[in-house]
C-alpha cells in the first residue's frame, strides 16, 4: 500500500463523491420547485462509508451513493419539494463538502511534508 492509498484518502474521496451527488440532487430539487409532479430526491452514502471503514474495505470500491425519491405528499401540482428544507440541506451539504475538501488538502500537505523530509 502506498502513502496515497491510505484509508483517509479513499474515505475522503468517497465522501466527496457522495456529497457532490447529493448537492446535484438538491440543486435539481431547488431548480424544479415549481415543476408539476417533480419528486424530491435524497442521496445516501454515509452508512455504506461507515460500514466500509469498519470492515477495512476500500470505500472507493464498495460505496455507491444511492438516490431515493421522496414519498412525501405533494402540493396541488404533485410536486413535493420543500424549498426551505432543500435550501438548509444544500447549505449543510456545501459545508460538509468544504470540510472534506479541506481535510483532503491537509492530508496531502502532510504527505508533501513527509516526502520533503526524506
PDB file of N, CA and C in Angstrom:
ATOM      1  N   UNK A   1       0.846  -1.175   0.000  1.00  0.00           N
ATOM      2  CA  UNK A   1       0.000   0.000   0.000  1.00  0.00           C
ATOM      3  C   UNK A   1       0.895   1.243   0.000  1.00  0.00           C
ATOM      4  N   UNK A   2       0.697   2.112  -0.959  1.00  0.00           N
ATOM      5  CA  UNK A   2       1.474   3.341  -0.992  1.00  0.00           C
ATOM      6  C   UNK A   2       0.837   4.376  -0.073  1.00  0.00           C
ATOM      7  N   UNK A   3       1.578   5.466   0.153  1.00  0.00           N
ATOM      8  CA  UNK A   3       1.044   6.520   1.019  1.00  0.00           C
ATOM      9  C   UNK A   3      -0.248   7.104   0.458  1.00  0.00           C
ATOM     10  N   UNK A   4      -0.379   7.144  -0.880  1.00  0.00           N
ATOM     11  CA  UNK A   4      -1.572   7.733  -1.481  1.00  0.00           C
ATOM     12  C   UNK A   4      -2.767   6.791  -1.442  1.00  0.00           C
ATOM     13  N   UNK A   5      -2.549   5.548  -1.049  1.00  0.00           N
ATOM     14  CA  UNK A   5      -3.633   4.584  -0.968  1.00  0.00           C
ATOM     15  C   UNK A   5      -4.180   4.447   0.449  1.00  0.00           C
ATOM     16  N   UNK A   6      -3.767   5.312   1.366  1.00  0.00           N
ATOM     17  CA  UNK A   6      -4.212   5.103   2.739  1.00  0.00           C
ATOM     18  C   UNK A   6      -5.706   5.365   2.889  1.00  0.00           C
ATOM     19  N   UNK A   7      -6.241   4.833   3.953  1.00  0.00           N
ATOM     20  CA  UNK A   7      -7.690   4.824   4.156  1.00  0.00           C
ATOM     21  C   UNK A   7      -8.283   6.223   4.259  1.00  0.00           C
ATOM     22  N   UNK A   8      -7.545   7.179   4.793  1.00  0.00           N
ATOM     23  CA  UNK A   8      -8.113   8.517   4.922  1.00  0.00           C
ATOM     24  C   UNK A   8      -8.356   9.150   3.559  1.00  0.00           C
ATOM     25  N   UNK A   9      -7.459   8.930   2.615  1.00  0.00           N
ATOM     26  CA  UNK A   9      -7.629   9.492   1.276  1.00  0.00           C
ATOM     27  C   UNK A   9      -8.813   8.836   0.567  1.00  0.00           C
ATOM     28  N   UNK A  10      -8.916   7.515   0.644  1.00  0.00           N
ATOM     29  CA  UNK A  10     -10.020   6.836  -0.036  1.00  0.00           C
ATOM     30  C   UNK A  10     -11.359   7.165   0.615  1.00  0.00           C
ATOM     31  N   UNK A  11     -11.379   7.303   1.933  1.00  0.00           N
ATOM     32  CA  UNK A  11     -12.621   7.677   2.621  1.00  0.00           C
ATOM     33  C   UNK A  11     -13.039   9.090   2.230  1.00  0.00           C
ATOM     34  N   UNK A  12     -12.085   9.997   2.179  1.00  0.00           N
ATOM     35  CA  UNK A  12     -12.401  11.372   1.781  1.00  0.00           C
ATOM     36  C   UNK A  12     -12.864  11.432   0.326  1.00  0.00           C
ATOM     37  N   UNK A  13     -12.236  10.637  -0.532  1.00  0.00           N
ATOM     38  CA  UNK A  13     -12.651  10.576  -1.936  1.00  0.00           C
ATOM     39  C   UNK A  13     -14.110  10.123  -2.041  1.00  0.00           C
ATOM     40  N   UNK A  14     -14.471   9.084  -1.303  1.00  0.00           N
ATOM     41  CA  UNK A  14     -15.843   8.584  -1.330  1.00  0.00           C
ATOM     42  C   UNK A  14     -16.823   9.603  -0.755  1.00  0.00           C
ATOM     43  N   UNK A  15     -16.421  10.269   0.315  1.00  0.00           N
ATOM     44  CA  UNK A  15     -17.280  11.289   0.921  1.00  0.00           C
ATOM     45  C   UNK A  15     -17.502  12.443  -0.052  1.00  0.00           C
ATOM     46  N   UNK A  16     -16.439  12.894  -0.706  1.00  0.00           N
ATOM     47  CA  UNK A  16     -16.572  13.985  -1.677  1.00  0.00           C
ATOM     48  C   UNK A  16     -17.482  13.587  -2.831  1.00  0.00           C
ATOM     49  N   UNK A  17     -17.369  12.349  -3.290  1.00  0.00           N
ATOM     50  CA  UNK A  17     -18.223  11.871  -4.370  1.00  0.00           C
ATOM     51  C   UNK A  17     -19.691  11.861  -3.940  1.00  0.00           C
ATOM     52  N   UNK A  18     -19.954  11.313  -2.766  1.00  0.00           N
ATOM     53  CA  UNK A  18     -21.333  11.258  -2.273  1.00  0.00           C
ATOM     54  C   UNK A  18     -21.911  12.640  -2.033  1.00  0.00           C
ATOM     55  N   UNK A  19     -21.122  13.529  -1.451  1.00  0.00           N
ATOM     56  CA  UNK A  19     -21.592  14.895  -1.194  1.00  0.00           C
ATOM     57  C   UNK A  19     -21.832  15.650  -2.499  1.00  0.00           C
ATOM     58  N   UNK A  20     -20.994  15.411  -3.488  1.00  0.00           N
ATOM     59  CA  UNK A  20     -21.182  16.045  -4.792  1.00  0.00           C
ATOM     60  C   UNK A  20     -22.494  15.588  -5.431  1.00  0.00           C
ATOM     61  N   UNK A  21     -22.764  14.294  -5.353  1.00  0.00           N
ATOM     62  CA  UNK A  21     -24.016  13.780  -5.908  1.00  0.00           C
ATOM     63  C   UNK A  21     -25.226  14.312  -5.137  1.00  0.00           C
ATOM     64  N   UNK A  22     -25.087  14.441  -3.814  1.00  0.00           N
ATOM     65  CA  UNK A  22     -26.176  14.994  -3.003  1.00  0.00           C
ATOM     66  C   UNK A  22     -26.434  16.454  -3.390  1.00  0.00           C
ATOM     67  N   UNK A  23     -25.360  17.222  -3.584  1.00  0.00           N
ATOM     68  CA  UNK A  23     -25.531  18.633  -3.939  1.00  0.00           C
ATOM     69  C   UNK A  23     -26.220  18.764  -5.287  1.00  0.00           C
ATOM     70  N   UNK A  24     -25.883  17.894  -6.235  1.00  0.00           N
ATOM     71  CA  UNK A  24     -26.544  17.937  -7.540  1.00  0.00           C
ATOM     72  C   UNK A  24     -28.032  17.634  -7.404  1.00  0.00           C
ATOM     73  N   UNK A  25     -28.370  16.632  -6.601  1.00  0.00           N
ATOM     74  CA  UNK A  25     -29.783  16.295  -6.403  1.00  0.00           C
ATOM     75  C   UNK A  25     -30.525  17.464  -5.749  1.00  0.00           C
ATOM     76  N   UNK A  26     -29.910  18.082  -4.751  1.00  0.00           N
ATOM     77  CA  UNK A  26     -30.544  19.220  -4.086  1.00  0.00           C
ATOM     78  C   UNK A  26     -30.699  20.407  -5.032  1.00  0.00           C
ATOM     79  N   UNK A  27     -29.693  20.648  -5.847  1.00  0.00           N
ATOM     80  CA  UNK A  27     -29.779  21.732  -6.833  1.00  0.00           C
ATOM     81  C   UNK A  27     -30.912  21.470  -7.814  1.00  0.00           C
ATOM     82  N   UNK A  28     -31.035  20.218  -8.247  1.00  0.00           N
ATOM     83  CA  UNK A  28     -32.136  19.854  -9.140  1.00  0.00           C
ATOM     84  C   UNK A  28     -33.481  20.048  -8.449  1.00  0.00           C
ATOM     85  N   UNK A  29     -33.559  19.656  -7.176  1.00  0.00           N
ATOM     86  CA  UNK A  29     -34.806  19.840  -6.425  1.00  0.00           C
ATOM     87  C   UNK A  29     -35.193  21.316  -6.370  1.00  0.00           C
ATOM     88  N   UNK A  30     -34.226  22.154  -6.025  1.00  0.00           N
ATOM     89  CA  UNK A  30     -34.496  23.593  -5.912  1.00  0.00           C
ATOM     90  C   UNK A  30     -34.883  24.176  -7.268  1.00  0.00           C
ATOM     91  N   UNK A  31     -34.184  23.766  -8.321  1.00  0.00           N
ATOM     92  CA  UNK A  31     -34.487  24.272  -9.662  1.00  0.00           C
ATOM     93  C   UNK A  31     -35.865  23.834 -10.140  1.00  0.00           C
ATOM     94  N   UNK A  32     -36.351  22.708  -9.625  1.00  0.00           N
ATOM     95  CA  UNK A  32     -37.646  22.172 -10.071  1.00  0.00           C
ATOM     96  C   UNK A  32     -38.761  22.366  -9.055  1.00  0.00           C
ATOM     97  N   UNK A  33     -38.593  23.311  -8.164  1.00  0.00           N
ATOM     98  CA  UNK A  33     -39.579  23.511  -7.104  1.00  0.00           C
ATOM     99  C   UNK A  33     -40.988  23.802  -7.658  1.00  0.00           C
ATOM    100  N   UNK A  34     -41.073  24.336  -8.860  1.00  0.00           N
ATOM    101  CA  UNK A  34     -42.376  24.643  -9.459  1.00  0.00           C
ATOM    102  C   UNK A  34     -42.755  23.698 -10.605  1.00  0.00           C
ATOM    103  N   UNK A  35     -42.007  22.616 -10.769  1.00  0.00           N
ATOM    104  CA  UNK A  35     -42.293  21.661 -11.840  1.00  0.00           C
ATOM    105  C   UNK A  35     -43.357  20.673 -11.372  1.00  0.00           C
ATOM    106  N   UNK A  36     -44.480  20.607 -12.077  1.00  0.00           N
ATOM    107  CA  UNK A  36     -45.535  19.675 -11.670  1.00  0.00           C
ATOM    108  C   UNK A  36     -45.037  18.232 -11.610  1.00  0.00           C
ATOM    109  N   UNK A  37     -45.449  17.536 -10.575  1.00  0.00           N
ATOM    110  CA  UNK A  37     -45.181  16.115 -10.354  1.00  0.00           C
ATOM    111  C   UNK A  37     -43.706  15.777 -10.130  1.00  0.00           C
ATOM    112  N   UNK A  38     -42.880  16.774  -9.946  1.00  0.00           N
ATOM    113  CA  UNK A  38     -41.470  16.514  -9.641  1.00  0.00           C
ATOM    114  C   UNK A  38     -41.382  15.953  -8.230  1.00  0.00           C
ATOM    115  N   UNK A  39     -40.539  14.930  -8.040  1.00  0.00           N
ATOM    116  CA  UNK A  39     -40.357  14.292  -6.732  1.00  0.00           C
ATOM    117  C   UNK A  39     -38.975  14.653  -6.192  1.00  0.00           C
ATOM    118  N   UNK A  40     -38.950  15.130  -4.970  1.00  0.00           N
ATOM    119  CA  UNK A  40     -37.688  15.462  -4.315  1.00  0.00           C
ATOM    120  C   UNK A  40     -36.845  14.199  -4.163  1.00  0.00           C
ATOM    121  N   UNK A  41     -35.524  14.392  -4.162  1.00  0.00           N
ATOM    122  CA  UNK A  41     -34.616  13.257  -4.060  1.00  0.00           C
ATOM    123  C   UNK A  41     -33.655  13.460  -2.894  1.00  0.00           C
ATOM    124  N   UNK A  42     -33.125  12.355  -2.436  1.00  0.00           N
ATOM    125  CA  UNK A  42     -32.057  12.399  -1.434  1.00  0.00           C
ATOM    126  C   UNK A  42     -30.984  11.416  -1.889  1.00  0.00           C
ATOM    127  N   UNK A  43     -29.751  11.676  -1.453  1.00  0.00           N
ATOM    128  CA  UNK A  43     -28.633  10.807  -1.795  1.00  0.00           C
ATOM    129  C   UNK A  43     -28.020  10.312  -0.492  1.00  0.00           C
ATOM    130  N   UNK A  44     -27.919   9.000  -0.356  1.00  0.00           N
ATOM    131  CA  UNK A  44     -27.394   8.395   0.859  1.00  0.00           C
ATOM    132  C   UNK A  44     -26.125   7.607   0.549  1.00  0.00           C
ATOM    133  N   UNK A  45     -25.144   7.781   1.402  1.00  0.00           N
ATOM    134  CA  UNK A  45     -23.890   7.037   1.245  1.00  0.00           C
ATOM    135  C   UNK A  45     -23.179   6.846   2.576  1.00  0.00           C
ATOM    136  N   UNK A  46     -23.540   7.609   3.595  1.00  0.00           N
ATOM    137  CA  UNK A  46     -22.810   7.595   4.854  1.00  0.00           C
ATOM    138  C   UNK A  46     -22.797   6.226   5.524  1.00  0.00           C
ATOM    139  N   UNK A  47     -23.914   5.519   5.484  1.00  0.00           N
ATOM    140  CA  UNK A  47     -23.980   4.196   6.097  1.00  0.00           C
ATOM    141  C   UNK A  47     -23.027   3.225   5.421  1.00  0.00           C
ATOM    142  N   UNK A  48     -22.985   3.258   4.083  1.00  0.00           N
ATOM    143  CA  UNK A  48     -22.069   2.395   3.341  1.00  0.00           C
ATOM    144  C   UNK A  48     -20.621   2.761   3.636  1.00  0.00           C
ATOM    145  N   UNK A  49     -20.342   4.058   3.731  1.00  0.00           N
ATOM    146  CA  UNK A  49     -18.973   4.512   4.016  1.00  0.00           C
ATOM    147  C   UNK A  49     -18.540   4.048   5.400  1.00  0.00           C
ATOM    148  N   UNK A  50     -19.414   4.210   6.368  1.00  0.00           N
ATOM    149  CA  UNK A  50     -19.104   3.776   7.731  1.00  0.00           C
ATOM    150  C   UNK A  50     -18.849   2.264   7.777  1.00  0.00           C
ATOM    151  N   UNK A  51     -19.688   1.497   7.082  1.00  0.00           N
ATOM    152  CA  UNK A  51     -19.538   0.037   7.055  1.00  0.00           C
ATOM    153  C   UNK A  51     -18.237  -0.357   6.370  1.00  0.00           C
ATOM    154  N   UNK A  52     -17.897   0.312   5.268  1.00  0.00           N
ATOM    155  CA  UNK A  52     -16.654   0.006   4.560  1.00  0.00           C
ATOM    156  C   UNK A  52     -15.451   0.255   5.459  1.00  0.00           C
ATOM    157  N   UNK A  53     -15.459   1.364   6.177  1.00  0.00           N
ATOM    158  CA  UNK A  53     -14.346   1.676   7.066  1.00  0.00           C
ATOM    159  C   UNK A  53     -14.278   0.677   8.216  1.00  0.00           C
ATOM    160  N   UNK A  54     -15.429   0.308   8.740  1.00  0.00           N
ATOM    161  CA  UNK A  54     -15.481  -0.665   9.836  1.00  0.00           C
ATOM    162  C   UNK A  54     -14.918  -2.015   9.394  1.00  0.00           C
ATOM    163  N   UNK A  55     -15.250  -2.419   8.145  1.00  0.00           N
ATOM    164  CA  UNK A  55     -14.812  -3.713   7.615  1.00  0.00           C
ATOM    165  C   UNK A  55     -13.391  -3.682   7.063  1.00  0.00           C
ATOM    166  N   UNK A  56     -12.814  -2.494   6.952  1.00  0.00           N
ATOM    167  CA  UNK A  56     -11.481  -2.374   6.374  1.00  0.00           C
ATOM    168  C   UNK A  56     -11.478  -2.452   4.861  1.00  0.00           C
ATOM    169  N   UNK A  57     -12.634  -2.221   4.244  1.00  0.00           N
ATOM    170  CA  UNK A  57     -12.738  -2.261   2.783  1.00  0.00           C
ATOM    171  C   UNK A  57     -12.317  -0.924   2.177  1.00  0.00           C
ATOM    172  N   UNK A  58     -11.968  -0.947   0.920  1.00  0.00           N
ATOM    173  CA  UNK A  58     -11.658   0.270   0.181  1.00  0.00           C
ATOM    174  C   UNK A  58     -12.977   0.950  -0.163  1.00  0.00           C
ATOM    175  N   UNK A  59     -13.262   2.114   0.432  1.00  0.00           N
ATOM    176  CA  UNK A  59     -14.544   2.779   0.185  1.00  0.00           C
ATOM    177  C   UNK A  59     -14.787   3.101  -1.285  1.00  0.00           C
ATOM    178  N   UNK A  60     -13.722   3.372  -2.039  1.00  0.00           N
ATOM    179  CA  UNK A  60     -13.929   3.708  -3.452  1.00  0.00           C
ATOM    180  C   UNK A  60     -14.426   2.508  -4.251  1.00  0.00           C
ATOM    181  N   UNK A  61     -14.269   1.313  -3.700  1.00  0.00           N
ATOM    182  CA  UNK A  61     -14.715   0.100  -4.384  1.00  0.00           C
ATOM    183  C   UNK A  61     -16.105  -0.364  -3.953  1.00  0.00           C
ATOM    184  N   UNK A  62     -16.517  -0.003  -2.740  1.00  0.00           N
ATOM    185  CA  UNK A  62     -17.769  -0.570  -2.219  1.00  0.00           C
ATOM    186  C   UNK A  62     -18.846   0.457  -1.901  1.00  0.00           C
ATOM    187  N   UNK A  63     -18.520   1.728  -1.896  1.00  0.00           N
ATOM    188  CA  UNK A  63     -19.519   2.752  -1.570  1.00  0.00           C
ATOM    189  C   UNK A  63     -20.119   3.294  -2.862  1.00  0.00           C
ATOM    190  N   UNK A  64     -21.422   3.117  -2.998  1.00  0.00           N
ATOM    191  CA  UNK A  64     -22.154   3.621  -4.155  1.00  0.00           C
ATOM    192  C   UNK A  64     -23.303   4.484  -3.638  1.00  0.00           C
ATOM    193  N   UNK A  65     -23.181   5.801  -3.798  1.00  0.00           N
ATOM    194  CA  UNK A  65     -24.283   6.663  -3.342  1.00  0.00           C
ATOM    195  C   UNK A  65     -25.589   6.256  -4.012  1.00  0.00           C
ATOM    196  N   UNK A  66     -26.647   6.180  -3.219  1.00  0.00           N
ATOM    197  CA  UNK A  66     -27.944   5.780  -3.748  1.00  0.00           C
ATOM    198  C   UNK A  66     -28.902   6.958  -3.721  1.00  0.00           C
ATOM    199  N   UNK A  67     -29.683   7.082  -4.782  1.00  0.00           N
ATOM    200  CA  UNK A  67     -30.673   8.139  -4.900  1.00  0.00           C
ATOM    201  C   UNK A  67     -32.031   7.568  -4.530  1.00  0.00           C
ATOM    202  N   UNK A  68     -32.707   8.257  -3.642  1.00  0.00           N
ATOM    203  CA  UNK A  68     -34.056   7.846  -3.243  1.00  0.00           C
ATOM    204  C   UNK A  68     -35.010   8.993  -3.503  1.00  0.00           C
ATOM    205  N   UNK A  69     -36.176   8.656  -4.030  1.00  0.00           N
ATOM    206  CA  UNK A  69     -37.203   9.656  -4.278  1.00  0.00           C
ATOM    207  C   UNK A  69     -38.090   9.765  -3.053  1.00  0.00           C
ATOM    208  N   UNK A  70     -38.419  10.974  -2.702  1.00  0.00           N
ATOM    209  CA  UNK A  70     -39.236  11.227  -1.522  1.00  0.00           C
ATOM    210  C   UNK A  70     -40.657  10.722  -1.728  1.00  0.00           C
ATOM    211  N   UNK A  71     -41.178  10.102  -0.697  1.00  0.00           N
ATOM    212  CA  UNK A  71     -42.567   9.655  -0.714  1.00  0.00           C
ATOM    213  C   UNK A  71     -43.508  10.643  -0.052  1.00  0.00           C
ATOM    214  N   UNK A  72     -42.975  11.815   0.301  1.00  0.00           N
ATOM    215  CA  UNK A  72     -43.807  12.832   0.968  1.00  0.00           C
ATOM    216  C   UNK A  72     -44.929  13.284   0.036  1.00  0.00           C
ATOM    217  N   UNK A  73     -46.010  13.669   0.646  1.00  0.00           N
ATOM    218  CA  UNK A  73     -47.148  14.163  -0.128  1.00  0.00           C
ATOM    219  C   UNK A  73     -46.752  15.416  -0.894  1.00  0.00           C
ATOM    220  N   UNK A  74     -47.301  15.555  -2.070  1.00  0.00           N
ATOM    221  CA  UNK A  74     -47.017  16.724  -2.891  1.00  0.00           C
ATOM    222  C   UNK A  74     -48.047  17.819  -2.682  1.00  0.00           C
ATOM    223  N   UNK A  75     -47.779  18.950  -3.302  1.00  0.00           N
ATOM    224  CA  UNK A  75     -48.729  20.057  -3.239  1.00  0.00           C
ATOM    225  C   UNK A  75     -49.808  19.850  -4.306  1.00  0.00           C
ATOM    226  N   UNK A  76     -50.539  20.877  -4.634  1.00  0.00           N
ATOM    227  CA  UNK A  76     -51.629  20.747  -5.612  1.00  0.00           C
ATOM    228  C   UNK A  76     -51.135  20.320  -6.990  1.00  0.00           C
ATOM    229  N   UNK A  77     -49.888  20.588  -7.313  1.00  0.00           N
ATOM    230  CA  UNK A  77     -49.350  20.193  -8.620  1.00  0.00           C
ATOM    231  C   UNK A  77     -48.643  18.836  -8.564  1.00  0.00           C
ATOM    232  N   UNK A  78     -48.605  18.210  -7.391  1.00  0.00           N
ATOM    233  CA  UNK A  78     -47.948  16.923  -7.231  1.00  0.00           C
ATOM    234  C   UNK A  78     -46.468  17.038  -6.914  1.00  0.00           C
ATOM    235  N   UNK A  79     -45.947  18.243  -6.837  1.00  0.00           N
ATOM    236  CA  UNK A  79     -44.541  18.474  -6.521  1.00  0.00           C
ATOM    237  C   UNK A  79     -44.366  18.391  -5.013  1.00  0.00           C
ATOM    238  N   UNK A  80     -43.349  17.676  -4.556  1.00  0.00           N
ATOM    239  CA  UNK A  80     -43.172  17.522  -3.107  1.00  0.00           C
ATOM    240  C   UNK A  80     -41.860  18.120  -2.588  1.00  0.00           C
ATOM    241  N   UNK A  81     -41.263  19.041  -3.337  1.00  0.00           N
ATOM    242  CA  UNK A  81     -40.037  19.692  -2.879  1.00  0.00           C
ATOM    243  C   UNK A  81     -40.389  20.695  -1.784  1.00  0.00           C
ATOM    244  N   UNK A  82     -39.735  20.547  -0.640  1.00  0.00           N
ATOM    245  CA  UNK A  82     -39.844  21.518   0.448  1.00  0.00           C
ATOM    246  C   UNK A  82     -38.667  22.477   0.278  1.00  0.00           C
ATOM    247  N   UNK A  83     -38.936  23.650  -0.274  1.00  0.00           N
ATOM    248  CA  UNK A  83     -37.868  24.583  -0.618  1.00  0.00           C
ATOM    249  C   UNK A  83     -37.036  24.981   0.592  1.00  0.00           C
ATOM    250  N   UNK A  84     -37.681  25.215   1.727  1.00  0.00           N
ATOM    251  CA  UNK A  84     -36.927  25.582   2.928  1.00  0.00           C
ATOM    252  C   UNK A  84     -35.978  24.466   3.351  1.00  0.00           C
ATOM    253  N   UNK A  85     -36.469  23.234   3.382  1.00  0.00           N
ATOM    254  CA  UNK A  85     -35.633  22.099   3.781  1.00  0.00           C
ATOM    255  C   UNK A  85     -34.527  21.851   2.767  1.00  0.00           C
ATOM    256  N   UNK A  86     -34.842  21.943   1.487  1.00  0.00           N
ATOM    257  CA  UNK A  86     -33.836  21.725   0.448  1.00  0.00           C
ATOM    258  C   UNK A  86     -32.727  22.774   0.543  1.00  0.00           C
ATOM    259  N   UNK A  87     -33.099  24.016   0.861  1.00  0.00           N
ATOM    260  CA  UNK A  87     -32.105  25.082   0.997  1.00  0.00           C
ATOM    261  C   UNK A  87     -31.196  24.824   2.191  1.00  0.00           C
ATOM    262  N   UNK A  88     -31.769  24.438   3.328  1.00  0.00           N
ATOM    263  CA  UNK A  88     -30.973  24.117   4.517  1.00  0.00           C
ATOM    264  C   UNK A  88     -30.065  22.927   4.229  1.00  0.00           C
ATOM    265  N   UNK A  89     -30.606  21.886   3.609  1.00  0.00           N
ATOM    266  CA  UNK A  89     -29.804  20.701   3.280  1.00  0.00           C
ATOM    267  C   UNK A  89     -28.684  21.040   2.312  1.00  0.00           C
ATOM    268  N   UNK A  90     -28.948  21.942   1.386  1.00  0.00           N
ATOM    269  CA  UNK A  90     -27.930  22.363   0.430  1.00  0.00           C
ATOM    270  C   UNK A  90     -26.778  23.070   1.138  1.00  0.00           C
ATOM    271  N   UNK A  91     -27.095  23.940   2.081  1.00  0.00           N
ATOM    272  CA  UNK A  91     -26.055  24.648   2.834  1.00  0.00           C
ATOM    273  C   UNK A  91     -25.254  23.652   3.680  1.00  0.00           C
ATOM    274  N   UNK A  92     -25.939  22.721   4.338  1.00  0.00           N
ATOM    275  CA  UNK A  92     -25.240  21.711   5.142  1.00  0.00           C
ATOM    276  C   UNK A  92     -24.328  20.851   4.274  1.00  0.00           C
ATOM    277  N   UNK A  93     -24.807  20.478   3.105  1.00  0.00           N
ATOM    278  CA  UNK A  93     -24.008  19.658   2.199  1.00  0.00           C
ATOM    279  C   UNK A  93     -22.787  20.430   1.718  1.00  0.00           C
ATOM    280  N   UNK A  94     -22.984  21.698   1.384  1.00  0.00           N
ATOM    281  CA  UNK A  94     -21.854  22.526   0.936  1.00  0.00           C
ATOM    282  C   UNK A  94     -20.811  22.661   2.040  1.00  0.00           C
ATOM    283  N   UNK A  95     -21.257  22.847   3.275  1.00  0.00           N
ATOM    284  CA  UNK A  95     -20.321  22.956   4.393  1.00  0.00           C
ATOM    285  C   UNK A  95     -19.571  21.637   4.608  1.00  0.00           C
ATOM    286  N   UNK A  96     -20.271  20.518   4.507  1.00  0.00           N
ATOM    287  CA  UNK A  96     -19.636  19.208   4.651  1.00  0.00           C
ATOM    288  C   UNK A  96     -18.628  18.969   3.534  1.00  0.00           C
ATOM    289  N   UNK A  97     -18.980  19.380   2.325  1.00  0.00           N
ATOM    290  CA  UNK A  97     -18.074  19.219   1.189  1.00  0.00           C
ATOM    291  C   UNK A  97     -16.806  20.044   1.413  1.00  0.00           C
ATOM    292  N   UNK A  98     -16.974  21.289   1.843  1.00  0.00           N
ATOM    293  CA  UNK A  98     -15.823  22.156   2.101  1.00  0.00           C
ATOM    294  C   UNK A  98     -14.930  21.575   3.191  1.00  0.00           C
ATOM    295  N   UNK A  99     -15.530  21.006   4.230  1.00  0.00           N
ATOM    296  CA  UNK A  99     -14.765  20.387   5.304  1.00  0.00           C
ATOM    297  C   UNK A  99     -13.969  19.187   4.786  1.00  0.00           C
ATOM    298  N   UNK A 100     -14.610  18.334   3.987  1.00  0.00           N
ATOM    299  CA  UNK A 100     -13.922  17.165   3.427  1.00  0.00           C
ATOM    300  C   UNK A 100     -12.822  17.602   2.464  1.00  0.00           C
ATOM    301  N   UNK A 101     -13.071  18.642   1.701  1.00  0.00           N
ATOM    302  CA  UNK A 101     -12.057  19.159   0.782  1.00  0.00           C
ATOM    303  C   UNK A 101     -10.864  19.707   1.545  1.00  0.00           C
ATOM    304  N   UNK A 102     -11.130  20.429   2.621  1.00  0.00           N
ATOM    305  CA  UNK A 102     -10.048  20.960   3.461  1.00  0.00           C
ATOM    306  C   UNK A 102      -9.249  19.814   4.091  1.00  0.00           C
ATOM    307  N   UNK A 103      -9.957  18.785   4.564  1.00  0.00           N
ATOM    308  CA  UNK A 103      -9.275  17.635   5.163  1.00  0.00           C
ATOM    309  C   UNK A 103      -8.403  16.931   4.122  1.00  0.00           C
ATOM    310  N   UNK A 104      -8.885  16.850   2.888  1.00  0.00           N
ATOM    311  CA  UNK A 104      -8.091  16.242   1.817  1.00  0.00           C
ATOM    312  C   UNK A 104      -6.831  17.065   1.564  1.00  0.00           C
ATOM    313  N   UNK A 105      -6.991  18.369   1.483  1.00  0.00           N
ATOM    314  CA  UNK A 105      -5.835  19.246   1.286  1.00  0.00           C
ATOM    315  C   UNK A 105      -4.836  19.127   2.416  1.00  0.00           C
ATOM    316  N   UNK A 106      -5.343  19.059   3.645  1.00  0.00           N
ATOM    317  CA  UNK A 106      -4.457  18.907   4.802  1.00  0.00           C
ATOM    318  C   UNK A 106      -3.702  17.586   4.740  1.00  0.00           C
ATOM    319  N   UNK A 107      -4.383  16.538   4.323  1.00  0.00           N
ATOM    320  CA  UNK A 107      -3.754  15.217   4.237  1.00  0.00           C
ATOM    321  C   UNK A 107      -2.620  15.244   3.213  1.00  0.00           C
ATOM    322  N   UNK A 108      -2.875  15.858   2.060  1.00  0.00           N
ATOM    323  CA  UNK A 108      -1.830  15.947   1.045  1.00  0.00           C
ATOM    324  C   UNK A 108      -0.693  16.857   1.499  1.00  0.00           C
ATOM    325  N   UNK A 109      -0.979  17.873   2.287  1.00  0.00           N
ATOM    326  CA  UNK A 109       0.088  18.719   2.838  1.00  0.00           C
ATOM    327  C   UNK A 109       0.991  17.913   3.758  1.00  0.00           C
ATOM    328  N   UNK A 110       0.401  17.047   4.563  1.00  0.00           N
ATOM    329  CA  UNK A 110       1.193  16.169   5.428  1.00  0.00           C
ATOM    330  C   UNK A 110       2.071  15.231   4.606  1.00  0.00           C
ATOM    331  N   UNK A 111       1.502  14.676   3.548  1.00  0.00           N
ATOM    332  CA  UNK A 111       2.266  13.774   2.690  1.00  0.00           C
ATOM    333  C   UNK A 111       3.422  14.510   2.015  1.00  0.00           C
ATOM    334  N   UNK A 112       3.160  15.743   1.540  1.00  0.00           N
ATOM    335  CA  UNK A 112       4.228  16.536   0.916  1.00  0.00           C
ATOM    336  C   UNK A 112       5.345  16.807   1.912  1.00  0.00           C
ATOM    337  N   UNK A 113       4.958  17.167   3.134  1.00  0.00           N
ATOM    338  CA  UNK A 113       5.962  17.445   4.174  1.00  0.00           C
ATOM    339  C   UNK A 113       6.786  16.191   4.484  1.00  0.00           C
ATOM    340  N   UNK A 114       6.124  15.037   4.523  1.00  0.00           N
ATOM    341  CA  UNK A 114       6.842  13.780   4.791  1.00  0.00           C
ATOM    342  C   UNK A 114       7.802  13.450   3.661  1.00  0.00           C
ATOM    343  N   UNK A 115       7.399  13.707   2.441  1.00  0.00           N
ATOM    344  CA  UNK A 115       8.264  13.429   1.288  1.00  0.00           C
ATOM    345  C   UNK A 115       9.472  14.354   1.299  1.00  0.00           C
ATOM    346  N   UNK A 116       9.243  15.615   1.600  1.00  0.00           N
ATOM    347  CA  UNK A 116      10.345  16.596   1.638  1.00  0.00           C
ATOM    348  C   UNK A 116      11.364  16.273   2.717  1.00  0.00           C
ATOM    349  N   UNK A 117      10.889  15.732   3.843  1.00  0.00           N
ATOM    350  CA  UNK A 117      11.800  15.469   4.958  1.00  0.00           C
ATOM    351  C   UNK A 117      12.667  14.222   4.725  1.00  0.00           C
ATOM    352  N   UNK A 118      12.314  13.414   3.741  1.00  0.00           N
ATOM    353  CA  UNK A 118      13.102  12.204   3.447  1.00  0.00           C
ATOM    354  C   UNK A 118      14.207  12.472   2.490  1.00  0.00           C
TER     355      UNK A 118
END
